[in-house]
């Protein structure tokens, strides 16, 4: 009987993920070309378009550093191929880590790393389905309500409606209420790593307020994640 590790490292899964990523890349290239031609029709110069493309490329590459770091953190839980697919398309490191950890506990494992070593292929199928359906729920909600929501946001911005700031703040507080207690009170080492990344992020945010160091704003997430991961060994030696 196939195990989770067998499926997670199988050539078939690699081929399917490669096909999916190739489709997404092709889709993006086609619409980039369409947008480029349409911009020329509207009178935008090629110089302006190239400037926009270069700026967009830089703003895309910098956040990708954090995603690449997250990939290495997730490999131990879900394997290289599935982690690559999740973080390349629709997932996020916080969602995937939290989800895999919760599923591991429900299935009776001490951790997602233990699940990776001993789980069956059937259990990995459950993980893949639940992860995909759970993330797609947001898109399914947007099908009937997305247009109305976008219209309301545009209207509130045009009218300088103060409620948009309230809703935005409530949304962020909800995220903090869900993730922070789990990270802070679940495990001592995990909490220490989170606090290390938080302290580094705060220091970088203060430094980035200086005009000459404003470029740090684009790297705060990546640097704080690297610092947190690097501190994991230190905290493991202290609290392990």
Protein backbone atom coordinates (compact mmCIF):
# COMPACT_ATOMS: atom_id res chain seq x y z
CA UNK A 1 0.00 0.00 0.00
CA UNK A 2 1.34 3.41 -0.99
CA UNK A 3 2.37 5.74 1.80
CA UNK A 4 2.11 9.50 2.00
CA UNK A 5 5.82 9.84 1.26
CA UNK A 6 5.46 7.59 -1.83
CA UNK A 7 2.75 9.80 -3.31
CA UNK A 8 4.38 13.07 -2.22
CA UNK A 9 7.54 12.13 -4.12
CA UNK A 10 5.90 10.31 -7.04
CA UNK A 11 6.76 11.22 -10.67
CA UNK A 12 3.03 11.32 -11.50
CA UNK A 13 2.37 14.08 -8.95
CA UNK A 14 5.40 15.97 -10.28
CA UNK A 15 4.09 15.77 -13.86
CA UNK A 16 0.59 16.91 -12.83
CA UNK A 17 1.96 19.86 -10.85
CA UNK A 18 4.29 20.81 -13.73
CA UNK A 19 1.33 20.76 -16.16
CA UNK A 20 -0.72 22.96 -13.83
CA UNK A 21 2.09 25.47 -13.39
CA UNK A 22 2.79 25.51 -17.14
CA UNK A 23 -0.88 26.33 -17.77
CA UNK A 24 -0.80 29.18 -15.27
CA UNK A 25 2.38 30.62 -16.78
CA UNK A 26 0.94 30.38 -20.30
CA UNK A 27 -2.30 32.01 -19.13
CA UNK A 28 -0.34 34.88 -17.56
CA UNK A 29 1.82 35.40 -20.66
CA UNK A 30 -1.22 35.49 -22.96
CA UNK A 31 -2.95 38.13 -20.87
CA UNK A 32 0.26 40.11 -20.49
CA UNK A 33 0.51 40.30 -24.28
CA UNK A 34 -3.16 41.26 -24.57
CA UNK A 35 -2.75 43.99 -21.95
CA UNK A 36 0.42 45.25 -23.63
CA UNK A 37 -1.27 45.56 -27.03
CA UNK A 38 -4.34 47.19 -25.53
CA UNK A 39 -2.20 49.75 -23.69
CA UNK A 40 -0.49 50.68 -26.98
CA UNK A 41 -3.92 51.12 -28.57
CA UNK A 42 -4.87 53.50 -25.76
CA UNK A 43 -1.82 55.64 -26.44
CA UNK A 44 0.56 54.47 -23.72
CA UNK A 45 4.17 54.65 -24.92
CA UNK A 46 6.47 51.62 -25.00
CA UNK A 47 8.87 53.41 -22.65
CA UNK A 48 6.13 53.82 -20.03
CA UNK A 49 5.07 50.21 -20.46
CA UNK A 50 8.61 48.94 -19.97
CA UNK A 51 8.93 51.09 -16.86
CA UNK A 52 5.72 49.55 -15.47
CA UNK A 53 6.90 46.03 -16.35
CA UNK A 54 10.26 46.54 -14.61
CA UNK A 55 8.61 47.99 -11.50
CA UNK A 56 6.10 45.14 -11.39
CA UNK A 57 8.86 42.57 -11.81
CA UNK A 58 10.78 43.97 -8.84
CA UNK A 59 7.67 44.15 -6.65
CA UNK A 60 6.90 40.54 -7.57
CA UNK A 61 10.37 39.10 -7.03
CA UNK A 62 10.83 40.58 -3.56
CA UNK A 63 7.72 38.94 -2.00
CA UNK A 64 8.70 35.73 -3.80
CA UNK A 65 11.76 35.55 -1.53
CA UNK A 66 9.44 35.03 1.44
CA UNK A 67 7.49 32.39 -0.46
CA UNK A 68 10.70 30.52 -1.34
CA UNK A 69 11.71 30.53 2.32
CA UNK A 70 8.25 29.27 3.24
CA UNK A 71 8.64 26.45 0.73
CA UNK A 72 11.63 25.06 2.61
CA UNK A 73 9.71 25.33 5.89
CA UNK A 74 6.73 23.42 4.45
CA UNK A 75 8.64 20.62 2.71
CA UNK A 76 9.04 18.66 5.93
CA UNK A 77 5.25 18.56 6.37
CA UNK A 78 3.91 18.05 2.86
CA UNK A 79 6.84 17.11 0.65
CA UNK A 80 8.53 19.17 -2.05
CA UNK A 81 6.07 18.73 -4.92
CA UNK A 82 2.81 19.41 -3.10
CA UNK A 83 4.34 22.34 -1.17
CA UNK A 84 5.59 23.76 -4.48
CA UNK A 85 2.09 23.53 -5.94
CA UNK A 86 0.32 25.02 -2.93
CA UNK A 87 2.63 28.02 -2.52
CA UNK A 88 2.91 28.66 -6.28
CA UNK A 89 -0.80 28.83 -7.02
CA UNK A 90 -3.21 29.67 -4.27
CA UNK A 91 -1.91 28.77 -0.83
CA UNK A 92 -0.07 30.65 1.89
CA UNK A 93 2.51 29.45 4.39
CA UNK A 94 0.36 30.28 7.43
CA UNK A 95 -2.67 28.48 5.99
CA UNK A 96 -0.79 25.39 4.85
CA UNK A 97 1.19 25.03 8.09
CA UNK A 98 -1.85 25.49 10.32
CA UNK A 99 -4.00 23.21 8.18
CA UNK A 100 -1.47 20.37 7.94
CA UNK A 101 -0.81 20.55 11.70
CA UNK A 102 -4.51 20.39 12.55
CA UNK A 103 -5.12 17.48 10.17
CA UNK A 104 -2.15 15.62 11.64
CA UNK A 105 -3.63 15.92 15.13
CA UNK A 106 -7.07 14.83 13.93
CA UNK A 107 -5.53 11.75 12.31
CA UNK A 108 -3.72 10.90 15.54
CA UNK A 109 -0.17 12.09 14.79
CA UNK A 110 1.94 14.19 17.12
CA UNK A 111 3.05 16.53 14.34
CA UNK A 112 2.82 17.05 10.58
CA UNK A 113 6.45 15.86 10.26
CA UNK A 114 5.51 12.53 11.91
CA UNK A 115 2.52 12.30 9.61
CA UNK A 116 4.80 12.75 6.60
CA UNK A 117 6.91 9.77 7.72
CA UNK A 118 4.15 7.32 8.66
CA UNK A 119 0.83 8.35 7.06
CA UNK A 120 -0.79 6.28 4.33
CA UNK A 121 -1.51 7.42 0.80
CA UNK A 122 -5.22 7.51 1.62
CA UNK A 123 -4.59 9.98 4.44
CA UNK A 124 -2.50 12.15 2.13
CA UNK A 125 -5.42 12.16 -0.30
CA UNK A 126 -7.64 13.47 2.49
CA UNK A 127 -5.12 16.23 3.19
CA UNK A 128 -4.93 17.25 -0.47
CA UNK A 129 -8.72 17.37 -0.88
CA UNK A 130 -9.36 19.29 2.34
CA UNK A 131 -6.62 21.82 1.59
CA UNK A 132 -7.94 22.45 -1.90
CA UNK A 133 -11.61 22.68 -0.92
CA UNK A 134 -10.82 24.86 2.09
CA UNK A 135 -8.87 27.40 0.04
CA UNK A 136 -11.42 27.40 -2.81
CA UNK A 137 -14.22 28.35 -0.44
CA UNK A 138 -13.19 31.99 -0.71
CA UNK A 139 -13.48 31.93 -4.49
CA UNK A 140 -16.86 30.19 -4.33
CA UNK A 141 -18.12 32.97 -2.07
CA UNK A 142 -16.84 35.60 -4.52
CA UNK A 143 -18.85 34.17 -7.42
CA UNK A 144 -22.21 35.50 -6.12
CA UNK A 145 -20.93 38.36 -3.94
CA UNK A 146 -17.60 39.47 -5.46
CA UNK A 147 -18.95 42.10 -7.87
CA UNK A 148 -21.17 43.71 -5.26
CA UNK A 149 -18.31 43.75 -2.74
CA UNK A 150 -15.88 45.34 -5.22
CA UNK A 151 -18.46 47.98 -6.16
CA UNK A 152 -19.07 48.80 -2.49
CA UNK A 153 -15.33 49.16 -1.84
CA UNK A 154 -14.90 51.51 -4.81
CA UNK A 155 -17.86 53.57 -3.64
CA UNK A 156 -16.56 53.83 -0.07
CA UNK A 157 -13.17 54.99 -1.37
CA UNK A 158 -14.79 57.63 -3.54
CA UNK A 159 -16.97 58.88 -0.65
CA UNK A 160 -14.13 58.72 1.92
CA UNK A 161 -16.34 56.50 4.05
CA UNK A 162 -14.65 56.00 7.48
CA UNK A 163 -16.28 52.58 7.85
CA UNK A 164 -13.83 51.07 5.40
CA UNK A 165 -11.05 51.64 7.93
CA UNK A 166 -13.16 50.00 10.65
CA UNK A 167 -13.85 46.94 8.49
CA UNK A 168 -10.19 46.69 7.50
CA UNK A 169 -9.08 46.89 11.13
CA UNK A 170 -11.63 44.26 12.18
CA UNK A 171 -10.39 41.94 9.46
CA UNK A 172 -6.79 42.20 10.65
CA UNK A 173 -7.85 41.70 14.27
CA UNK A 174 -9.70 38.53 13.26
CA UNK A 175 -6.56 37.19 11.60
CA UNK A 176 -4.50 37.98 14.69
CA UNK A 177 -7.11 36.36 16.94
CA UNK A 178 -6.94 33.15 14.91
CA UNK A 179 -3.21 32.75 14.32
CA UNK A 180 -1.37 34.49 17.16
CA UNK A 181 -2.75 32.41 20.09
CA UNK A 182 -1.95 29.19 18.22
CA UNK A 183 1.62 30.28 17.58
CA UNK A 184 2.16 31.95 20.94
CA UNK A 185 0.69 29.33 23.29
CA UNK A 186 1.03 26.12 21.31
CA UNK A 187 4.75 25.50 21.81
CA UNK A 188 7.58 27.36 23.57
CA UNK A 189 10.04 27.09 20.67
CA UNK A 190 7.36 28.09 18.18
CA UNK A 191 6.46 31.12 20.28
CA UNK A 192 10.12 32.14 20.60
CA UNK A 193 10.61 31.93 16.84
CA UNK A 194 7.49 34.03 16.22
CA UNK A 195 8.59 36.69 18.73
CA UNK A 196 12.07 36.79 17.18
CA UNK A 197 10.61 37.46 13.75
CA UNK A 198 8.29 40.08 15.26
CA UNK A 199 11.13 41.94 16.97
CA UNK A 200 13.21 41.91 13.77
CA UNK A 201 10.23 43.19 11.76
CA UNK A 202 9.65 46.04 14.24
CA UNK A 203 13.30 47.06 14.14
CA UNK A 204 13.33 47.04 10.34
CA UNK A 205 10.08 49.04 10.24
CA UNK A 206 11.64 51.73 12.43
CA UNK A 207 14.79 51.83 10.32
CA UNK A 208 12.75 51.97 7.10
CA UNK A 209 11.24 55.28 8.22
CA UNK A 210 14.55 56.93 7.41
CA UNK A 211 14.64 58.12 3.78
CA UNK A 212 17.94 56.41 2.98
CA UNK A 213 16.65 53.09 4.31
CA UNK A 214 13.17 53.22 2.77
CA UNK A 215 14.12 50.32 0.51
CA UNK A 216 13.92 48.04 3.56
CA UNK A 217 10.13 48.15 3.33
CA UNK A 218 10.27 45.69 0.45
CA UNK A 219 12.36 43.19 2.41
CA UNK A 220 10.88 43.31 5.93
CA UNK A 221 8.87 40.12 5.55
CA UNK A 222 11.69 38.16 3.93
CA UNK A 223 14.34 39.27 6.44
CA UNK A 224 12.10 38.68 9.47
CA UNK A 225 11.24 35.18 8.22
CA UNK A 226 14.91 34.36 7.69
CA UNK A 227 15.76 35.68 11.16
CA UNK A 228 12.96 33.66 12.73
CA UNK A 229 14.01 30.47 10.96
CA UNK A 230 17.66 31.05 11.84
CA UNK A 231 16.74 31.51 15.49
CA UNK A 232 14.90 28.18 15.58
CA UNK A 233 18.11 26.26 16.22
CA UNK A 234 19.05 28.58 19.06
CA UNK A 235 15.66 28.24 20.76
CA UNK A 236 15.69 24.48 20.21
CA UNK A 237 19.01 24.24 22.04
CA UNK A 238 17.65 26.37 24.88
CA UNK A 239 14.15 24.96 25.29
CA UNK A 240 14.45 21.60 23.51
